Amino acid sequence: MSRRLELGLALVVALAVGVAIAAGSRGTAPQFDLRTSSMLSGPLGSRGVYDVLARLRVPVERRRTPLFDFARTAPRGTPPAVLVVLQPPRSLYAAELAQVVEFVRAGGRVVAAGSGGGITGCVGWRTKNEEVFLLRDSFPVVSPVPTLSLPPVTDFLKPWRDDVADESRLRVRGGPIEENECATLSPTAEDTLLRLTDGRPAVLRLAYRGGGSVTLVADPGYFRNRLWRASDVPYFVTPLLVPARRGRVVWDEYHQGFGRGRSMMGVVLGWLVGTPGGRVILQLVGVLVVGLAVAAVRFGPARRGVATRRRSALEHLEALAAGLEGAAGTDTAVTLTVSGLRRRLGRTGLLRPDDQRSWLAALELALPTARGRDAVRRLQRIITQPGGAERALAAAQAAEDVWEELRPATTRAPS
């Protein structure tokens, strides 16, 4: 197998493996992952919400790092205007909640679904299903716009009781917030955007000094792909996410479990560069590559190939005659020589001596040149006249002369 063919097969196999890996990696996200994340395209994910805002040309960003520096980060291009935290399974640390409070006081908008990782409790509210483990009931809602048909919600908002309000606001991951940042965040107005039929709020917007606001959505299901595909929820939720000022809509994905981790390739390269054993392996690989490069390069001019000349038909006949002569088979050699000449001229079958003489007589008449006819007459004399072992070699030479006279002349192609 040639090297080009081997290289082509290797490339085809590599391409097939790459296509298989790419096809297998598509759609591998769990279809029933309960996280309300923009990274998930299943029925319970929120990829559709993210894509809709992107189609509306709203600047969107997935944040996969903690929020410790969210309010202090120097703006890169478009600054953040809206922070979206959708019922993350991991709660925010106290320092992260302090950053959220500072962002709201600076005029930013926050949209929190469910507990919001602690944001809902920070602003003095909680959801009903924080008291129970399973979601059991659904509650019909009154649509703020008569033309919208909104599905029922599975949760609603309740204010913390005054006697436990301060204590509940400190129930954040990592301990109490320094200087009680949540307690300093007092709303100037409350607007119920969506309520149950009995008047309890399902979506609430809290406005603060400086233009900031916190929108609390009790049911995170209003951000899931399933409802966005089959109901009028997008027409209600999209205005809540579109920023009122110039800036990006930042989706918190770190607390959803999609932190920015290092890839396997990065870990391996880091180990190779940062450890003594890895550096030894790199040196050995370098020596191996240099050795292969030196072995693959030819130094000096290419060697000439060894020229091999094929034996002519006459040499084969002479060798065969010599062998038969040494074996005392002169008559057999002469008979086989004549039969070989007849086979080369397009005839088959082994002839008896009488038939050979008649065939040679006909061949003599058919030859156009005197040299050819003389060679046939020599063959006839060898067959009819007795002699020694030299008859085999003479028969081979006469047969070759006949063949040289009968075969078509070859012309060299013009250059």
Foldseek 3Di string as FASTA:
>chain_A
DDPVVVVVVVVVVVVVVVVVVVVVVPPPPDQPDQFQELVDPHQNYQVVVVVVCVVVVAFAAEDQDAQLCLQPDDDDPFHAAEEEQEPFPAAHALSNLLSVLSCLQQQHEYEAEACSSLNQLLQFKHKPCVVDDDQDDWFAKDAPDVVFDDDTASIAMDGDDPVCSLVSNQPHPPGGHVVSSSVVWHFPDKDQNMATPVGTGQWMWTHGPNNGIYIYHHGSSLSGNNCVVPGRSCVSCVVVQRGPDTGYYYYHCNSNVNHDDDDPVVVLVCCLPPDPVSVVVVVVVVVVVVVVVVVVDDPDDDDDDDDDDDDDPLVVQLVVLVVCLVVVNQLVLLQVLLQVLCVVVPDHDRDDLVVSLVVLVVVLVVQDDPQLNVLSVLSNCLSPPDDHSCSNNSSSVSSVSNVVRPDDDDDDDDD
